[in-house]
Amino acid sequence: MPLNNDDINALYRDCSPGLLRYLMRRTFDAQVAVDLMAETFAIACEDRSKFRGEPAASRAWVYTIATNLLRGFYRSGKIERRAVERLGIVVPQVSADDFDRIEELAGTSELRTAVGAALGRLTEDQRDALRLRVVEERDYTEVASVLEVSEQVARARVSRALRRMRELLQQESPEEVIEHA
């Protein structure tokens, strides 16, 4: 059943804090997170007549829109603001106070600390491979060359490092990860 304006308003009230946290934890940039959230709800507003689920499922629909926009942002390095512009929505600029509050709500400070501690628990080989591939964004051929290993070994090290990071960050709270470091 299509969503009406009241449904969109309720969806925004219910989803926006969690959605902002979701986007902030993936971009680590408050302005980008706010822009992506604005575009997400602009698209939801534009496409509300196309929604054919129960209102309870609309939360998943909004997160799907946000995830698709996030993928596009990662691919292109920019945010397409077509829906925001078509609807004439003014996206607020994030002030320093807003930035601090968004970071606090998203828990990015604790997350950064936990990620740093988890990195410290990787083997040196895994940490180096992960740094080269993820932080420096090098392709696997370059990673292998720098590490003086085969491309297959480089891929395996990155894969193991990512799996170990996921395990550490999912199984323990940030405080527990830091304590073990």
Protein backbone atom coordinates (compact mmCIF):
# COMPACT_ATOMS: atom_id res chain seq x y z
CA MET A 1 0.00 0.00 0.00
CA PRO A 2 1.43 3.42 -0.94
CA LEU A 3 2.70 5.66 1.83
CA ASN A 4 1.04 9.01 2.48
CA ASN A 5 2.62 12.19 3.85
CA ASP A 6 1.84 11.21 7.45
CA ASP A 7 3.57 7.86 6.90
CA ILE A 8 6.67 9.62 5.51
CA ASN A 9 6.72 12.03 8.45
CA ALA A 10 6.39 9.18 10.94
CA LEU A 11 9.07 7.24 9.08
CA TYR A 12 11.42 10.22 9.28
CA ARG A 13 10.80 10.66 13.02
CA ASP A 14 11.32 6.95 13.68
CA CYS A 15 14.23 6.26 11.34
CA SER A 16 16.31 9.41 11.10
CA PRO A 17 18.40 9.00 14.30
CA GLY A 18 19.30 5.39 13.50
CA LEU A 19 19.79 6.10 9.82
CA LEU A 20 22.11 9.00 10.56
CA ARG A 21 24.11 6.76 12.91
CA TYR A 22 24.20 4.03 10.20
CA LEU A 23 25.50 6.47 7.57
CA MET A 24 27.96 8.16 9.92
CA ARG A 25 29.51 4.84 10.91
CA ARG A 26 30.06 4.05 7.25
CA THR A 27 31.33 7.43 6.05
CA PHE A 28 32.93 8.93 9.19
CA ASP A 29 31.90 12.30 7.78
CA ALA A 30 28.95 14.09 9.38
CA GLN A 31 28.21 16.31 6.37
CA VAL A 32 28.23 13.35 3.99
CA ALA A 33 25.99 11.39 6.38
CA VAL A 34 23.52 14.29 6.62
CA ASP A 35 23.54 14.75 2.84
CA LEU A 36 22.96 11.03 2.23
CA MET A 37 20.14 10.99 4.77
CA ALA A 38 18.49 14.01 3.11
CA GLU A 39 18.71 12.36 -0.31
CA THR A 40 17.37 9.09 1.14
CA PHE A 41 14.25 10.75 2.50
CA ALA A 42 13.84 12.87 -0.63
CA ILE A 43 13.79 9.69 -2.71
CA ALA A 44 11.42 8.03 -0.24
CA CYS A 45 9.12 11.04 -0.47
CA GLU A 46 9.23 11.07 -4.27
CA ASP A 47 8.71 7.32 -4.57
CA ARG A 48 6.18 6.88 -1.74
CA SER A 49 3.42 6.01 -4.20
CA LYS A 50 5.53 3.11 -5.52
CA PHE A 51 5.91 1.51 -2.06
CA ARG A 52 3.76 -1.61 -1.96
CA GLY A 53 4.40 -3.05 1.49
CA GLU A 54 2.97 -2.66 4.93
CA PRO A 55 3.99 0.57 6.70
CA ALA A 56 6.02 -1.55 9.14
CA ALA A 57 8.22 -2.68 6.22
CA SER A 58 8.91 0.91 5.17
CA ARG A 59 11.87 1.11 7.56
CA ALA A 60 13.68 -1.62 5.61
CA TRP A 61 12.75 0.18 2.38
CA VAL A 62 14.36 3.43 3.61
CA TYR A 63 17.52 1.60 4.70
CA THR A 64 17.68 -0.04 1.26
CA ILE A 65 17.48 3.38 -0.39
CA ALA A 66 20.24 4.66 1.94
CA THR A 67 22.44 1.62 1.28
CA ASN A 68 22.10 2.07 -2.48
CA LEU A 69 22.99 5.76 -2.18
CA LEU A 70 25.97 4.85 0.00
CA ARG A 71 27.18 2.39 -2.64
CA GLY A 72 26.86 5.08 -5.29
CA PHE A 73 28.78 7.49 -3.06
CA TYR A 74 31.61 4.98 -2.65
CA ARG A 75 31.72 4.32 -6.41
CA SER A 76 31.64 7.92 -7.53
CA GLY A 77 33.00 9.77 -4.50
CA LYS A 78 30.10 12.20 -4.62
CA ILE A 79 26.50 12.41 -3.56
CA GLU A 80 23.89 12.76 -6.24
CA ARG A 81 21.32 15.26 -4.96
CA ARG A 82 18.77 15.00 -7.73
CA ALA A 83 15.75 14.23 -5.54
CA VAL A 84 16.71 16.89 -2.99
CA GLU A 85 17.00 19.48 -5.77
CA ARG A 86 13.75 18.43 -7.48
CA LEU A 87 11.87 18.78 -4.21
CA GLY A 88 13.60 22.04 -3.32
CA ILE A 89 14.86 20.71 0.02
CA VAL A 90 17.49 22.81 1.74
CA VAL A 91 20.03 20.51 3.39
CA PRO A 92 21.51 22.16 6.48
CA GLN A 93 25.26 22.48 6.75
CA VAL A 94 26.76 20.65 9.70
CA SER A 95 28.18 23.03 12.30
CA ALA A 96 31.03 22.06 14.62
CA ASP A 97 28.53 21.48 17.44
CA ASP A 98 26.31 19.40 15.15
CA PHE A 99 29.33 17.41 14.01
CA ASP A 100 30.33 16.66 17.60
CA ARG A 101 26.76 15.63 18.46
CA ILE A 102 26.47 13.38 15.41
CA GLU A 103 29.79 11.74 16.26
CA GLU A 104 28.60 11.24 19.83
CA LEU A 105 25.30 9.70 18.71
CA ALA A 106 27.03 7.45 16.20
CA GLY A 107 29.67 6.36 18.71
CA THR A 108 32.40 6.92 16.14
CA SER A 109 34.99 7.95 18.71
CA GLU A 110 34.58 4.65 20.55
CA LEU A 111 34.43 2.80 17.24
CA ARG A 112 37.69 4.39 16.05
CA THR A 113 39.36 3.40 19.31
CA ALA A 114 37.99 -0.14 19.06
CA VAL A 115 39.10 -0.47 15.44
CA GLY A 116 42.58 0.75 16.39
CA ALA A 117 42.74 -1.76 19.24
CA ALA A 118 41.50 -4.57 16.98
CA LEU A 119 44.14 -3.64 14.39
CA GLY A 120 46.72 -4.01 17.15
CA ARG A 121 45.56 -7.59 17.68
CA LEU A 122 46.18 -8.60 14.05
CA THR A 123 49.43 -10.19 12.99
CA GLU A 124 51.90 -7.77 11.45
CA ASP A 125 51.46 -9.43 8.03
CA GLN A 126 47.68 -9.02 8.19
CA ARG A 127 47.90 -5.44 9.45
CA ASP A 128 50.30 -4.46 6.65
CA ALA A 129 48.15 -6.11 3.99
CA LEU A 130 45.01 -4.44 5.34
CA ARG A 131 46.67 -1.02 5.51
CA LEU A 132 47.87 -1.27 1.92
CA ARG A 133 44.57 -2.55 0.53
CA VAL A 134 41.99 -0.65 2.60
CA VAL A 135 43.67 2.50 3.89
CA GLU A 136 45.95 3.20 0.93
CA GLU A 137 43.42 1.70 -1.53
CA ARG A 138 46.04 -0.16 -3.52
CA ASP A 139 45.06 -2.98 -5.82
CA TYR A 140 46.11 -6.52 -4.97
CA THR A 141 48.95 -6.49 -7.50
CA GLU A 142 50.53 -3.53 -5.69
CA VAL A 143 49.88 -5.05 -2.25
CA ALA A 144 51.60 -8.24 -3.35
CA SER A 145 54.54 -6.31 -4.78
CA VAL A 146 55.07 -4.22 -1.63
CA LEU A 147 54.78 -7.26 0.63
CA GLU A 148 56.93 -9.35 -1.74
CA VAL A 149 54.36 -12.15 -1.86
CA SER A 150 52.10 -13.59 -4.53
CA GLU A 151 48.79 -11.88 -5.28
CA GLN A 152 47.00 -14.94 -3.90
CA VAL A 153 48.84 -14.61 -0.58
CA ALA A 154 48.08 -10.88 -0.47
CA ARG A 155 44.37 -11.59 -1.01
CA ALA A 156 44.41 -14.24 1.70
CA ARG A 157 46.07 -11.90 4.22
CA VAL A 158 43.56 -9.14 3.55
CA SER A 159 40.68 -11.59 3.77
CA ARG A 160 41.92 -13.06 7.06
CA ALA A 161 42.53 -9.60 8.48
CA LEU A 162 39.02 -8.44 7.59
CA ARG A 163 37.49 -11.62 9.00
CA ARG A 164 39.47 -11.23 12.25
CA MET A 165 38.50 -7.55 12.53
CA ARG A 166 34.84 -8.45 12.04
CA GLU A 167 35.09 -11.16 14.70
CA LEU A 168 36.75 -8.84 17.19
CA LEU A 169 34.33 -5.98 16.62
CA GLN A 170 31.17 -8.13 16.60
CA GLN A 171 31.91 -10.45 19.51
CA GLU A 172 33.09 -7.88 21.98
CA SER A 173 32.03 -4.43 23.00
CA PRO A 174 34.45 -1.63 22.05
CA GLU A 175 35.63 -1.49 25.67
CA GLU A 176 36.49 -5.22 25.64
CA VAL A 177 38.45 -4.88 22.38
CA ILE A 178 40.45 -2.01 23.87
CA GLU A 179 41.15 -3.95 27.10
CA HIS A 180 42.63 -6.86 25.14
CA ALA A 181 44.88 -4.66 23.03
